[in-house]
Amino acid sequence: MSERSPGKDTTTGHWEMMGVILPAPFPLYPDGFPEEIIAEFERRCGRAVIGNRAASGTVIIPELLDEHRRTGALIVYTSADSVFQIAAHEDEVSVEGLYRYCEIARTLLVGEHAVVRVIARPFVGDADSIVRTDRRRDFSLPPPAGTALDLLTEAGMHVYGIGKIGDIFAHRGVVEEVHTHDNADGCGRIIERLDAQPEGMIFANLNDFDSKYGHRNDPAGYAAALVEVDRYLPAMLERLTDRDLFFITADHGCDPTTTSTDHSREQVPLLMAGGRVSAVALGVRESFADLGATIYEALGVDAPAAGTSFLAEAL
């Protein structure tokens, strides 16, 4: 599938999959956030900010760790994506406190400074052994228009989000959701839900490919993660009935073999399985929104959406 929206970030990709094609990219801050934003954030939080620049978390967190622990200042940074990231050691700032600071930032970052995500980055360890924990949370902008998830839930469908899905859609259009620790946990949750949910939509995000291996330029780790997920596929596929459809795709590229640690804007894979699915090539889809349009049709929801369904081609 090719992406029509400008941008190559998590939110843009997921929103387009569910029928929202953005007319313009989200704001970026390669030189850090404006002083007025940082000053007001510090005032409302009662803590100073250090960092405030574009950086990899694997670099800026160990670099500023001593100052953070000495002063209690929050480590704020961004990336090539439209994100306001707040990192804090769990011994210095409680995870719940870090979430509150993110909520404050979310209220400030609106209008021209409406970054798509404020990200809580709790971590543990020392400078040479920092681990960003799975208590990360994303505080997203709500989608600008009704997504496929909104329309499906309004039609009475049960939408279950696994991993970051609830965060990405600002918890809109998701009836139930569960956060996960890693890819293995996510795969296990998919299998559990296939047993528990006879109809509707299960939407899962497996984030390790991106966060642990793509951004860290680790092709060996990325390959091992693919092998790990492959081991779960038979258990998923054997649970599918003739009424079920199963899709594997991605929200953007994150090539671990390039010199960049950023996302790569490239076509994403689209694999489809199910008892009625034929072995056919679906060609290059013109938009990620083709997936949402196909889901609409498969679930019998008569709703307008961007994209072109490929259901008839596949069955």
Protein backbone atom coordinates (compact mmCIF):
# COMPACT_ATOMS: atom_id res chain seq x y z
CA MET A 1 0.00 0.00 0.00
CA SER A 2 1.19 3.52 -0.79
CA GLU A 3 0.49 6.41 1.58
CA ARG A 4 -1.41 9.45 0.32
CA SER A 5 -1.14 11.59 3.46
CA PRO A 6 1.94 13.77 3.88
CA GLY A 7 4.09 12.37 6.64
CA LYS A 8 5.48 9.02 7.73
CA ASP A 9 4.58 8.73 11.37
CA THR A 10 2.55 6.28 13.45
CA THR A 11 -0.57 8.40 13.73
CA THR A 12 -0.71 9.48 10.09
CA GLY A 13 -0.38 5.87 8.94
CA HIS A 14 -2.97 4.44 11.31
CA TRP A 15 -5.48 7.22 10.63
CA GLU A 16 -5.15 6.73 6.87
CA MET A 17 -5.69 2.98 7.27
CA MET A 18 -8.97 3.86 8.94
CA GLY A 19 -10.07 6.34 6.26
CA VAL A 20 -8.64 9.72 7.29
CA ILE A 21 -6.27 11.18 4.68
CA LEU A 22 -4.56 14.30 6.01
CA PRO A 23 -4.26 17.41 3.81
CA ALA A 24 -1.09 18.68 5.54
CA PRO A 25 1.66 17.26 7.75
CA PHE A 26 1.78 17.76 11.50
CA PRO A 27 4.14 20.48 12.86
CA LEU A 28 7.77 19.54 13.41
CA TYR A 29 10.34 21.09 15.75
CA PRO A 30 13.87 20.27 14.58
CA ASP A 31 15.24 23.17 16.68
CA GLY A 32 13.16 22.42 19.77
CA PHE A 33 9.89 23.90 21.00
CA PRO A 34 9.25 27.67 21.32
CA GLU A 35 10.31 29.28 24.58
CA GLU A 36 6.77 30.38 25.39
CA ILE A 37 5.57 26.76 25.24
CA ILE A 38 8.40 25.50 27.45
CA ALA A 39 8.04 28.35 29.96
CA GLU A 40 4.31 27.77 30.40
CA PHE A 41 4.86 24.01 30.64
CA GLU A 42 7.44 24.55 33.39
CA ARG A 43 5.10 26.90 35.25
CA ARG A 44 2.19 24.48 35.19
CA CYS A 45 4.30 21.45 36.13
CA GLY A 46 6.39 23.16 38.78
CA ARG A 47 9.50 21.59 37.30
CA ALA A 48 12.26 22.83 35.02
CA VAL A 49 12.86 21.42 31.54
CA ILE A 50 16.19 20.25 30.17
CA GLY A 51 16.98 19.14 26.62
CA ASN A 52 14.33 20.66 24.35
CA ARG A 53 15.87 19.56 21.08
CA ALA A 54 15.51 16.91 18.42
CA ALA A 55 17.34 13.80 19.57
CA SER A 56 17.17 10.05 19.92
CA GLY A 57 16.03 8.95 23.35
CA THR A 58 18.91 6.48 23.44
CA VAL A 59 21.29 9.47 23.30
CA ILE A 60 19.63 12.33 25.17
CA ILE A 61 18.44 10.36 28.20
CA PRO A 62 21.88 9.04 29.26
CA GLU A 63 23.42 12.42 28.39
CA LEU A 64 21.08 14.33 30.73
CA LEU A 65 20.50 11.63 33.34
CA ASP A 66 22.78 13.09 36.03
CA GLU A 67 21.26 16.57 35.71
CA HIS A 68 17.77 15.10 35.72
CA ARG A 69 18.45 13.16 38.93
CA ARG A 70 20.22 16.08 40.59
CA THR A 71 17.59 18.71 39.82
CA GLY A 72 14.36 16.82 39.14
CA ALA A 73 14.07 18.59 35.79
CA LEU A 74 12.08 16.84 33.07
CA ILE A 75 13.90 15.69 29.93
CA VAL A 76 11.93 17.04 26.96
CA TYR A 77 12.86 16.20 23.38
CA THR A 78 11.37 15.66 19.95
CA SER A 79 12.34 13.73 16.83
CA ALA A 80 11.78 13.80 13.09
CA ASP A 81 8.14 13.05 13.97
CA SER A 82 5.57 15.47 15.37
CA VAL A 83 6.07 14.49 19.02
CA PHE A 84 6.68 16.13 22.40
CA GLN A 85 8.45 13.49 24.47
CA ILE A 86 8.88 13.72 28.24
CA ALA A 87 11.36 11.33 29.84
CA ALA A 88 11.80 10.77 33.57
CA HIS A 89 13.43 8.13 35.74
CA GLU A 90 10.81 6.18 37.65
CA ASP A 91 12.77 6.73 40.89
CA GLU A 92 12.54 10.52 40.40
CA VAL A 93 9.04 10.96 38.95
CA SER A 94 6.20 8.50 39.46
CA VAL A 95 4.69 7.08 36.29
CA GLU A 96 1.33 8.58 37.26
CA GLY A 97 3.02 11.96 37.77
CA LEU A 98 4.67 11.70 34.36
CA TYR A 99 1.27 11.01 32.80
CA ARG A 100 -0.10 14.16 34.49
CA TYR A 101 2.74 16.21 33.00
CA CYS A 102 1.89 14.77 29.59
CA GLU A 103 -1.74 15.78 30.04
CA ILE A 104 -0.58 19.32 30.82
CA ALA A 105 1.56 19.37 27.67
CA ARG A 106 -1.36 18.06 25.63
CA THR A 107 -3.53 21.02 26.72
CA LEU A 108 -0.75 23.43 25.68
CA LEU A 109 0.09 21.90 22.32
CA VAL A 110 -2.92 23.00 20.30
CA GLY A 111 -3.54 25.27 17.32
CA GLU A 112 -0.37 25.94 15.38
CA HIS A 113 1.59 23.82 17.87
CA ALA A 114 -0.76 20.82 17.78
CA VAL A 115 1.83 18.05 17.66
CA VAL A 116 0.22 14.73 16.98
CA ARG A 117 1.50 12.97 20.09
CA VAL A 118 2.76 13.79 23.56
CA ILE A 119 4.71 10.73 24.72
CA ALA A 120 5.48 9.68 28.29
CA ARG A 121 8.91 8.01 28.34
CA PRO A 122 9.48 6.49 31.79
CA PHE A 123 12.81 4.72 32.23
CA VAL A 124 14.90 2.89 34.81
CA GLY A 125 18.57 2.08 35.24
CA ASP A 126 21.85 3.97 35.23
CA ALA A 127 23.62 5.84 32.42
CA ASP A 128 25.14 2.66 30.98
CA SER A 129 22.04 0.48 31.47
CA ILE A 130 18.98 2.63 30.76
CA VAL A 131 15.78 0.77 29.90
CA ARG A 132 12.72 2.65 28.64
CA THR A 133 9.89 0.74 30.27
CA ASP A 134 6.66 -0.57 28.80
CA ARG A 135 4.74 2.01 30.84
CA ARG A 136 5.17 4.42 27.96
CA ARG A 137 1.91 6.15 26.99
CA ASP A 138 0.95 8.27 23.97
CA PHE A 139 -1.41 11.22 24.40
CA SER A 140 -2.70 11.78 20.86
CA LEU A 141 -4.71 14.39 19.05
CA PRO A 142 -8.16 13.08 18.21
CA PRO A 143 -8.61 12.32 14.51
CA PRO A 144 -10.06 15.30 12.57
CA ALA A 145 -12.91 13.30 11.07
CA GLY A 146 -14.82 10.10 11.75
CA THR A 147 -12.57 7.10 11.27
CA ALA A 148 -13.59 3.58 10.35
CA LEU A 149 -13.40 2.77 14.05
CA ASP A 150 -15.94 5.48 14.89
CA LEU A 151 -18.32 4.33 12.19
CA LEU A 152 -17.98 0.66 13.08
CA THR A 153 -18.71 1.24 16.77
CA GLU A 154 -21.63 3.51 15.89
CA ALA A 155 -22.99 0.60 13.83
CA GLY A 156 -22.80 -1.63 16.90
CA MET A 157 -19.58 -3.44 16.03
CA HIS A 158 -17.21 -4.45 18.84
CA VAL A 159 -13.75 -2.92 18.19
CA TYR A 160 -10.96 -4.26 20.43
CA GLY A 161 -7.60 -2.45 20.45
CA ILE A 162 -4.35 -4.20 21.35
CA GLY A 163 -1.11 -2.33 22.10
CA LYS A 164 -1.02 1.36 21.15
CA ILE A 165 -4.29 1.39 19.17
CA GLY A 166 -6.35 3.16 21.84
CA ASP A 167 -3.69 5.83 22.31
CA ILE A 168 -3.28 6.43 18.57
CA PHE A 169 -7.00 7.12 18.11
CA ALA A 170 -7.31 9.13 21.35
CA HIS A 171 -9.43 6.22 22.69
CA ARG A 172 -12.16 7.02 20.18
CA GLY A 173 -14.02 4.27 18.35
CA VAL A 174 -12.50 1.55 20.53
CA VAL A 175 -14.91 -0.36 22.78
CA GLU A 176 -12.21 -2.19 24.74
CA GLU A 177 -8.44 -1.90 24.73
CA VAL A 178 -5.39 -3.44 26.38
CA HIS A 179 -1.79 -2.25 26.51
CA THR A 180 0.97 -4.78 25.87
CA HIS A 181 4.53 -5.31 27.06
CA ASP A 182 6.11 -6.47 23.78
CA ASN A 183 5.39 -8.26 20.52
CA ALA A 184 5.03 -11.65 22.21
CA ASP A 185 2.46 -10.24 24.62
CA GLY A 186 0.63 -8.62 21.70
CA CYS A 187 0.51 -11.89 19.76
CA GLY A 188 -0.74 -13.72 22.83
CA ARG A 189 -3.48 -11.14 23.28
CA ILE A 190 -4.55 -11.54 19.65
CA ILE A 191 -4.90 -15.30 20.12
CA GLU A 192 -6.85 -14.85 23.36
CA ARG A 193 -9.18 -12.37 21.69
CA LEU A 194 -9.76 -14.58 18.65
CA ASP A 195 -11.07 -17.18 21.09
CA ALA A 196 -13.19 -14.68 23.03
CA GLN A 197 -14.64 -12.40 20.34
CA PRO A 198 -16.81 -14.03 17.66
CA GLU A 199 -17.41 -10.89 15.56
CA GLY A 200 -16.38 -7.28 15.07
CA MET A 201 -12.79 -6.09 14.69
CA ILE A 202 -9.54 -6.84 16.54
CA PHE A 203 -6.90 -4.18 15.80
CA ALA A 204 -3.37 -4.83 17.09
CA ASN A 205 -0.13 -2.86 16.92
CA LEU A 206 3.15 -4.76 17.38
CA ASN A 207 5.58 -1.98 18.21
CA ASP A 208 8.88 -3.77 18.81
CA PHE A 209 9.84 -3.72 15.13
CA ASP A 210 9.83 0.07 15.23
CA SER A 211 10.93 1.02 18.75
CA LYS A 212 13.45 -1.71 19.55
CA TYR A 213 15.01 -2.48 16.17
CA GLY A 214 14.10 -0.04 13.37
CA HIS A 215 15.02 3.15 15.22
CA ARG A 216 18.11 1.50 16.66
CA ASN A 217 19.42 0.28 13.29
CA ASP A 218 19.44 -3.35 14.41
CA PRO A 219 18.65 -5.56 11.39
CA ALA A 220 19.54 -8.77 13.25
CA GLY A 221 17.13 -7.90 16.05
CA TYR A 222 14.47 -6.94 13.49
CA ALA A 223 14.88 -10.30 11.73
CA ALA A 224 14.63 -12.17 15.04
CA ALA A 225 11.43 -10.24 15.84
CA LEU A 226 9.94 -11.32 12.50
CA VAL A 227 10.79 -14.95 13.29
CA GLU A 228 9.20 -14.57 16.74
CA VAL A 229 5.92 -13.26 15.31
CA ASP A 230 5.96 -15.94 12.59
CA ARG A 231 5.86 -18.59 15.33
CA TYR A 232 2.51 -17.22 16.52
CA LEU A 233 0.88 -17.09 13.08
CA PRO A 234 -0.23 -20.77 12.89
CA ALA A 235 -2.13 -20.40 16.17
CA MET A 236 -3.82 -17.25 14.84
CA LEU A 237 -4.66 -18.65 11.42
CA GLU A 238 -6.07 -21.94 12.73
CA ARG A 239 -8.64 -19.95 14.71
CA LEU A 240 -10.06 -18.22 11.64
CA THR A 241 -13.47 -19.34 10.42
CA ASP A 242 -14.81 -18.94 6.89
CA ARG A 243 -16.38 -15.66 8.06
CA ASP A 244 -13.08 -14.15 9.25
CA LEU A 245 -10.49 -12.00 7.51
CA PHE A 246 -6.95 -11.51 8.76
CA PHE A 247 -4.63 -8.68 7.64
CA ILE A 248 -0.95 -7.94 8.22
CA THR A 249 0.30 -4.50 7.21
CA ALA A 250 2.23 -1.50 8.61
CA ASP A 251 1.73 2.18 9.34
CA HIS A 252 5.07 3.30 7.85
CA GLY A 253 8.53 2.02 7.11
CA CYS A 254 11.35 1.88 9.66
CA ASP A 255 14.33 0.44 7.80
CA PRO A 256 17.00 -0.83 10.23
CA THR A 257 19.66 -0.99 7.50
CA THR A 258 19.86 2.74 6.69
CA THR A 259 22.08 5.31 8.39
CA SER A 260 19.00 7.22 9.55
CA THR A 261 17.20 6.27 12.78
CA ASP A 262 14.00 7.87 11.48
CA HIS A 263 10.95 6.30 9.86
CA SER A 264 11.24 5.70 6.13
CA ARG A 265 8.43 6.71 3.80
CA GLU A 266 7.91 3.66 1.67
CA GLN A 267 5.21 1.26 0.56
CA VAL A 268 4.04 -1.10 3.29
CA PRO A 269 3.24 -4.81 2.92
CA LEU A 270 -0.35 -6.00 2.74
CA LEU A 271 -1.06 -9.66 3.44
CA MET A 272 -4.56 -11.07 3.72
CA ALA A 273 -5.79 -14.47 4.88
CA GLY A 274 -9.05 -16.23 5.70
CA GLY A 275 -11.05 -19.26 4.71
CA ARG A 276 -12.58 -17.55 1.67
CA VAL A 277 -9.47 -15.65 0.53
CA SER A 278 -8.01 -16.56 -2.84
CA ALA A 279 -4.32 -16.62 -3.69
CA VAL A 280 -4.26 -13.45 -5.79
CA ALA A 281 -2.03 -10.39 -6.11
CA LEU A 282 -3.75 -7.21 -4.96
CA GLY A 283 -1.30 -4.96 -6.78
CA VAL A 284 -0.10 -1.63 -5.35
CA ARG A 285 -2.94 0.04 -3.47
CA GLU A 286 -3.11 3.81 -3.93
CA SER A 287 -3.87 4.50 -0.28
CA PHE A 288 -3.68 2.87 3.14
CA ALA A 289 -7.40 3.76 3.26
CA ASP A 290 -8.14 0.81 0.96
CA LEU A 291 -7.81 -1.36 4.07
CA GLY A 292 -10.52 0.56 5.95
CA ALA A 293 -12.80 0.47 2.90
CA THR A 294 -12.37 -3.31 2.70
CA ILE A 295 -13.18 -3.72 6.39
CA TYR A 296 -16.34 -1.64 5.95
CA GLU A 297 -17.53 -3.87 3.17
CA ALA A 298 -16.61 -7.11 4.92
CA LEU A 299 -18.55 -6.11 8.05
CA GLY A 300 -21.53 -4.90 6.05
CA VAL A 301 -21.32 -1.30 7.23
CA ASP A 302 -22.73 1.14 4.70
CA ALA A 303 -20.61 4.21 5.37
CA PRO A 304 -18.65 6.62 3.20
CA ALA A 305 -14.89 6.31 3.42
CA ALA A 306 -11.75 7.18 1.57
CA GLY A 307 -10.11 4.32 -0.26
CA THR A 308 -11.25 1.51 -2.54
CA SER A 309 -12.24 -1.89 -1.19
CA PHE A 310 -10.31 -4.88 -2.51
CA LEU A 311 -12.71 -7.42 -0.99
CA ALA A 312 -14.15 -8.60 -4.32
CA GLU A 313 -10.63 -9.03 -5.73
CA ALA A 314 -9.56 -11.21 -2.82
CA LEU A 315 -12.52 -13.55 -2.43
